[in-house]
Amino acid sequence: MKERTTPIKSIRLKCVDCSNGQLAEVRLCPVTECPIWLYRMGKRPKILEHQLVEQKEYKVENEQ
């Protein structure tokens, strides 16, 4: 019988696939606009959505 994959684990597998099987690249993923970016590590994120928005705004301000 096949083992069922949880949605979080499925996201992790997709991220590993997207980074060509390089696990370190999943952690370093620069595509923060990706809808599954927060879940890329295979765990529920501890960061809140408003904190992510603040981080993105800070990043944009400091790039200029």
PDB file of N, CA and C in Angstrom:
ATOM      1  N   MET A   1       0.832  -1.180   0.000  1.00  0.00           N
ATOM      2  CA  MET A   1       0.000   0.000   0.000  1.00  0.00           C
ATOM      3  C   MET A   1       0.883   1.252   0.000  1.00  0.00           C
ATOM      4  N   LYS A   2       0.502   2.253  -0.774  1.00  0.00           N
ATOM      5  CA  LYS A   2       1.244   3.504  -0.849  1.00  0.00           C
ATOM      6  C   LYS A   2       0.989   4.362   0.380  1.00  0.00           C
ATOM      7  N   GLU A   3       2.055   5.018   0.833  1.00  0.00           N
ATOM      8  CA  GLU A   3       1.922   5.941   1.947  1.00  0.00           C
ATOM      9  C   GLU A   3       1.380   7.264   1.429  1.00  0.00           C
ATOM     10  N   ARG A   4       0.439   7.827   2.142  1.00  0.00           N
ATOM     11  CA  ARG A   4      -0.143   9.094   1.731  1.00  0.00           C
ATOM     12  C   ARG A   4       0.787  10.235   2.096  1.00  0.00           C
ATOM     13  N   THR A   5       0.868  11.215   1.227  1.00  0.00           N
ATOM     14  CA  THR A   5       1.708  12.382   1.448  1.00  0.00           C
ATOM     15  C   THR A   5       0.832  13.533   1.929  1.00  0.00           C
ATOM     16  N   THR A   6       1.291  14.200   2.975  1.00  0.00           N
ATOM     17  CA  THR A   6       0.546  15.343   3.494  1.00  0.00           C
ATOM     18  C   THR A   6       0.726  16.537   2.545  1.00  0.00           C
ATOM     19  N   PRO A   7      -0.171  17.492   2.608  1.00  0.00           N
ATOM     20  CA  PRO A   7      -0.025  18.677   1.760  1.00  0.00           C
ATOM     21  C   PRO A   7       1.299  19.409   1.996  1.00  0.00           C
ATOM     22  N   ILE A   8       1.731  19.512   3.232  1.00  0.00           N
ATOM     23  CA  ILE A   8       2.993  20.196   3.538  1.00  0.00           C
ATOM     24  C   ILE A   8       4.165  19.451   2.910  1.00  0.00           C
ATOM     25  N   LYS A   9       4.162  18.137   3.000  1.00  0.00           N
ATOM     26  CA  LYS A   9       5.234  17.343   2.403  1.00  0.00           C
ATOM     27  C   LYS A   9       5.195  17.429   0.879  1.00  0.00           C
ATOM     28  N   SER A  10       4.009  17.520   0.319  1.00  0.00           N
ATOM     29  CA  SER A  10       3.879  17.691  -1.133  1.00  0.00           C
ATOM     30  C   SER A  10       4.485  19.021  -1.573  1.00  0.00           C
ATOM     31  N   ILE A  11       4.263  20.061  -0.781  1.00  0.00           N
ATOM     32  CA  ILE A  11       4.857  21.364  -1.090  1.00  0.00           C
ATOM     33  C   ILE A  11       6.366  21.267  -1.041  1.00  0.00           C
ATOM     34  N   ARG A  12       6.889  20.596  -0.026  1.00  0.00           N
ATOM     35  CA  ARG A  12       8.341  20.427   0.095  1.00  0.00           C
ATOM     36  C   ARG A  12       8.899  19.706  -1.133  1.00  0.00           C
ATOM     37  N   LEU A  13       8.223  18.651  -1.555  1.00  0.00           N
ATOM     38  CA  LEU A  13       8.674  17.913  -2.736  1.00  0.00           C
ATOM     39  C   LEU A  13       8.655  18.791  -3.983  1.00  0.00           C
ATOM     40  N   LYS A  14       7.644  19.636  -4.111  1.00  0.00           N
ATOM     41  CA  LYS A  14       7.568  20.551  -5.253  1.00  0.00           C
ATOM     42  C   LYS A  14       8.728  21.542  -5.222  1.00  0.00           C
ATOM     43  N   CYS A  15       9.063  22.048  -4.034  1.00  0.00           N
ATOM     44  CA  CYS A  15      10.167  23.000  -3.909  1.00  0.00           C
ATOM     45  C   CYS A  15      11.502  22.335  -4.225  1.00  0.00           C
ATOM     46  N   VAL A  16      11.683  21.107  -3.783  1.00  0.00           N
ATOM     47  CA  VAL A  16      12.911  20.374  -4.096  1.00  0.00           C
ATOM     48  C   VAL A  16      13.001  20.156  -5.604  1.00  0.00           C
ATOM     49  N   ASP A  17      11.882  19.821  -6.222  1.00  0.00           N
ATOM     50  CA  ASP A  17      11.849  19.639  -7.669  1.00  0.00           C
ATOM     51  C   ASP A  17      12.177  20.954  -8.381  1.00  0.00           C
ATOM     52  N   CYS A  18      11.600  22.046  -7.912  1.00  0.00           N
ATOM     53  CA  CYS A  18      11.829  23.351  -8.529  1.00  0.00           C
ATOM     54  C   CYS A  18      13.290  23.769  -8.431  1.00  0.00           C
ATOM     55  N   SER A  19      13.966  23.347  -7.365  1.00  0.00           N
ATOM     56  CA  SER A  19      15.378  23.712  -7.185  1.00  0.00           C
ATOM     57  C   SER A  19      16.316  22.625  -7.695  1.00  0.00           C
ATOM     58  N   ASN A  20      15.787  21.794  -8.594  1.00  0.00           N
ATOM     59  CA  ASN A  20      16.592  20.755  -9.253  1.00  0.00           C
ATOM     60  C   ASN A  20      17.215  19.768  -8.268  1.00  0.00           C
ATOM     61  N   GLY A  21      16.480  19.457  -7.203  1.00  0.00           N
ATOM     62  CA  GLY A  21      16.938  18.467  -6.238  1.00  0.00           C
ATOM     63  C   GLY A  21      17.981  18.969  -5.252  1.00  0.00           C
ATOM     64  N   GLN A  22      18.294  20.252  -5.289  1.00  0.00           N
ATOM     65  CA  GLN A  22      19.305  20.825  -4.392  1.00  0.00           C
ATOM     66  C   GLN A  22      18.618  21.329  -3.120  1.00  0.00           C
ATOM     67  N   LEU A  23      18.786  20.583  -2.027  1.00  0.00           N
ATOM     68  CA  LEU A  23      18.099  20.928  -0.789  1.00  0.00           C
ATOM     69  C   LEU A  23      18.529  22.287  -0.243  1.00  0.00           C
ATOM     70  N   ALA A  24      19.788  22.615  -0.381  1.00  0.00           N
ATOM     71  CA  ALA A  24      20.264  23.922   0.101  1.00  0.00           C
ATOM     72  C   ALA A  24      19.602  25.060  -0.669  1.00  0.00           C
ATOM     73  N   GLU A  25      19.310  24.835  -1.936  1.00  0.00           N
ATOM     74  CA  GLU A  25      18.670  25.872  -2.749  1.00  0.00           C
ATOM     75  C   GLU A  25      17.241  26.128  -2.306  1.00  0.00           C
ATOM     76  N   VAL A  26      16.584  25.123  -1.760  1.00  0.00           N
ATOM     77  CA  VAL A  26      15.224  25.329  -1.245  1.00  0.00           C
ATOM     78  C   VAL A  26      15.272  26.340  -0.109  1.00  0.00           C
ATOM     79  N   ARG A  27      16.213  26.191   0.795  1.00  0.00           N
ATOM     80  CA  ARG A  27      16.351  27.118   1.920  1.00  0.00           C
ATOM     81  C   ARG A  27      16.689  28.530   1.427  1.00  0.00           C
ATOM     82  N   LEU A  28      17.504  28.626   0.394  1.00  0.00           N
ATOM     83  CA  LEU A  28      17.960  29.916  -0.115  1.00  0.00           C
ATOM     84  C   LEU A  28      17.046  30.500  -1.185  1.00  0.00           C
ATOM     85  N   CYS A  29      15.934  29.883  -1.435  1.00  0.00           N
ATOM     86  CA  CYS A  29      15.036  30.284  -2.522  1.00  0.00           C
ATOM     87  C   CYS A  29      14.739  31.786  -2.486  1.00  0.00           C
ATOM     88  N   PRO A  30      15.030  32.484  -3.584  1.00  0.00           N
ATOM     89  CA  PRO A  30      14.793  33.926  -3.634  1.00  0.00           C
ATOM     90  C   PRO A  30      13.392  34.310  -4.127  1.00  0.00           C
ATOM     91  N   VAL A  31      12.585  33.342  -4.494  1.00  0.00           N
ATOM     92  CA  VAL A  31      11.282  33.623  -5.096  1.00  0.00           C
ATOM     93  C   VAL A  31      10.228  33.793  -3.994  1.00  0.00           C
ATOM     94  N   THR A  32      10.337  34.889  -3.245  1.00  0.00           N
ATOM     95  CA  THR A  32       9.432  35.112  -2.119  1.00  0.00           C
ATOM     96  C   THR A  32       8.002  35.408  -2.562  1.00  0.00           C
ATOM     97  N   GLU A  33       7.797  35.696  -3.841  1.00  0.00           N
ATOM     98  CA  GLU A  33       6.447  35.939  -4.352  1.00  0.00           C
ATOM     99  C   GLU A  33       5.682  34.636  -4.596  1.00  0.00           C
ATOM    100  N   CYS A  34       6.394  33.522  -4.560  1.00  0.00           N
ATOM    101  CA  CYS A  34       5.768  32.219  -4.789  1.00  0.00           C
ATOM    102  C   CYS A  34       4.743  31.948  -3.680  1.00  0.00           C
ATOM    103  N   PRO A  35       3.548  31.498  -4.049  1.00  0.00           N
ATOM    104  CA  PRO A  35       2.511  31.280  -3.033  1.00  0.00           C
ATOM    105  C   PRO A  35       2.861  30.192  -2.013  1.00  0.00           C
ATOM    106  N   ILE A  36       3.775  29.307  -2.329  1.00  0.00           N
ATOM    107  CA  ILE A  36       4.132  28.246  -1.380  1.00  0.00           C
ATOM    108  C   ILE A  36       5.487  28.498  -0.711  1.00  0.00           C
ATOM    109  N   TRP A  37       6.067  29.672  -0.908  1.00  0.00           N
ATOM    110  CA  TRP A  37       7.396  29.984  -0.383  1.00  0.00           C
ATOM    111  C   TRP A  37       7.486  29.798   1.126  1.00  0.00           C
ATOM    112  N   LEU A  38       6.475  30.226   1.863  1.00  0.00           N
ATOM    113  CA  LEU A  38       6.486  30.096   3.320  1.00  0.00           C
ATOM    114  C   LEU A  38       6.541  28.639   3.777  1.00  0.00           C
ATOM    115  N   TYR A  39       6.057  27.735   2.959  1.00  0.00           N
ATOM    116  CA  TYR A  39       5.954  26.326   3.335  1.00  0.00           C
ATOM    117  C   TYR A  39       7.071  25.473   2.748  1.00  0.00           C
ATOM    118  N   ARG A  40       8.065  26.097   2.105  1.00  0.00           N
ATOM    119  CA  ARG A  40       9.085  25.364   1.357  1.00  0.00           C
ATOM    120  C   ARG A  40       9.932  24.427   2.202  1.00  0.00           C
ATOM    121  N   MET A  41      10.021  24.655   3.510  1.00  0.00           N
ATOM    122  CA  MET A  41      10.848  23.830   4.365  1.00  0.00           C
ATOM    123  C   MET A  41      10.128  22.572   4.844  1.00  0.00           C
ATOM    124  N   GLY A  42       8.883  22.410   4.461  1.00  0.00           N
ATOM    125  CA  GLY A  42       8.143  21.206   4.827  1.00  0.00           C
ATOM    126  C   GLY A  42       7.507  21.276   6.197  1.00  0.00           C
ATOM    127  N   LYS A  43       7.409  22.485   6.740  1.00  0.00           N
ATOM    128  CA  LYS A  43       6.784  22.696   8.047  1.00  0.00           C
ATOM    129  C   LYS A  43       5.892  23.918   7.966  1.00  0.00           C
ATOM    130  N   ARG A  44       4.978  24.004   8.899  1.00  0.00           N
ATOM    131  CA  ARG A  44       4.131  25.190   8.960  1.00  0.00           C
ATOM    132  C   ARG A  44       4.983  26.362   9.398  1.00  0.00           C
ATOM    133  N   PRO A  45       4.869  27.478   8.720  1.00  0.00           N
ATOM    134  CA  PRO A  45       5.706  28.630   9.060  1.00  0.00           C
ATOM    135  C   PRO A  45       5.299  29.258  10.385  1.00  0.00           C
ATOM    136  N   LYS A  46       6.279  29.781  11.097  1.00  0.00           N
ATOM    137  CA  LYS A  46       6.008  30.487  12.347  1.00  0.00           C
ATOM    138  C   LYS A  46       5.787  31.969  12.097  1.00  0.00           C
ATOM    139  N   ILE A  47       6.202  32.435  10.927  1.00  0.00           N
ATOM    140  CA  ILE A  47       6.076  33.842  10.577  1.00  0.00           C
ATOM    141  C   ILE A  47       4.619  34.159  10.206  1.00  0.00           C
ATOM    142  N   LEU A  48       4.171  35.302  10.614  1.00  0.00           N
ATOM    143  CA  LEU A  48       2.820  35.736  10.283  1.00  0.00           C
ATOM    144  C   LEU A  48       2.836  36.498   8.973  1.00  0.00           C
ATOM    145  N   GLU A  49       1.720  36.533   8.312  1.00  0.00           N
ATOM    146  CA  GLU A  49       1.615  37.178   6.998  1.00  0.00           C
ATOM    147  C   GLU A  49       2.032  38.649   7.062  1.00  0.00           C
ATOM    148  N   HIS A  50       1.633  39.362   8.092  1.00  0.00           N
ATOM    149  CA  HIS A  50       1.988  40.783   8.166  1.00  0.00           C
ATOM    150  C   HIS A  50       3.490  40.976   8.350  1.00  0.00           C
ATOM    151  N   GLN A  51       4.154  40.019   9.006  1.00  0.00           N
ATOM    152  CA  GLN A  51       5.606  40.102   9.151  1.00  0.00           C
ATOM    153  C   GLN A  51       6.283  39.919   7.795  1.00  0.00           C
ATOM    154  N   LEU A  52       5.750  39.037   6.967  1.00  0.00           N
ATOM    155  CA  LEU A  52       6.296  38.817   5.638  1.00  0.00           C
ATOM    156  C   LEU A  52       6.155  40.088   4.800  1.00  0.00           C
ATOM    157  N   VAL A  53       5.018  40.748   4.875  1.00  0.00           N
ATOM    158  CA  VAL A  53       4.802  41.988   4.136  1.00  0.00           C
ATOM    159  C   VAL A  53       5.804  43.044   4.597  1.00  0.00           C
ATOM    160  N   GLU A  54       6.029  43.129   5.894  1.00  0.00           N
ATOM    161  CA  GLU A  54       7.004  44.097   6.419  1.00  0.00           C
ATOM    162  C   GLU A  54       8.402  43.795   5.900  1.00  0.00           C
ATOM    163  N   GLN A  55       8.770  42.517   5.831  1.00  0.00           N
ATOM    164  CA  GLN A  55      10.086  42.131   5.327  1.00  0.00           C
ATOM    165  C   GLN A  55      10.234  42.540   3.862  1.00  0.00           C
ATOM    166  N   LYS A  56       9.211  42.298   3.057  1.00  0.00           N
ATOM    167  CA  LYS A  56       9.255  42.654   1.642  1.00  0.00           C
ATOM    168  C   LYS A  56       9.377  44.161   1.471  1.00  0.00           C
ATOM    169  N   GLU A  57       8.623  44.929   2.267  1.00  0.00           N
ATOM    170  CA  GLU A  57       8.696  46.379   2.185  1.00  0.00           C
ATOM    171  C   GLU A  57      10.082  46.870   2.565  1.00  0.00           C
ATOM    172  N   TYR A  58      10.676  46.303   3.603  1.00  0.00           N
ATOM    173  CA  TYR A  58      12.013  46.676   4.041  1.00  0.00           C
ATOM    174  C   TYR A  58      13.035  46.378   2.946  1.00  0.00           C
ATOM    175  N   LYS A  59      12.871  45.222   2.334  1.00  0.00           N
ATOM    176  CA  LYS A  59      13.791  44.823   1.259  1.00  0.00           C
ATOM    177  C   LYS A  59      13.715  45.807   0.092  1.00  0.00           C
ATOM    178  N   VAL A  60      12.511  46.194  -0.297  1.00  0.00           N
ATOM    179  CA  VAL A  60      12.315  47.127  -1.415  1.00  0.00           C
ATOM    180  C   VAL A  60      12.922  48.495  -1.071  1.00  0.00           C
ATOM    181  N   GLU A  61      12.700  48.957   0.154  1.00  0.00           N
ATOM    182  CA  GLU A  61      13.227  50.263   0.569  1.00  0.00           C
ATOM    183  C   GLU A  61      14.745  50.289   0.546  1.00  0.00           C
ATOM    184  N   ASN A  62      15.369  49.191   0.929  1.00  0.00           N
ATOM    185  CA  ASN A  62      16.812  49.156   1.038  1.00  0.00           C
ATOM    186  C   ASN A  62      17.530  48.821  -0.278  1.00  0.00           C
ATOM    187  N   GLU A  63      16.790  48.424  -1.286  1.00  0.00           N
ATOM    188  CA  GLU A  63      17.379  48.144  -2.593  1.00  0.00           C
ATOM    189  C   GLU A  63      17.635  49.422  -3.373  1.00  0.00           C
ATOM    190  N   GLN A  64      16.933  50.477  -3.032  1.00  0.00           N
ATOM    191  CA  GLN A  64      17.047  51.726  -3.788  1.00  0.00           C
ATOM    192  C   GLN A  64      18.202  52.553  -3.356  1.00  0.00           C
TER     193      GLN A  64
END
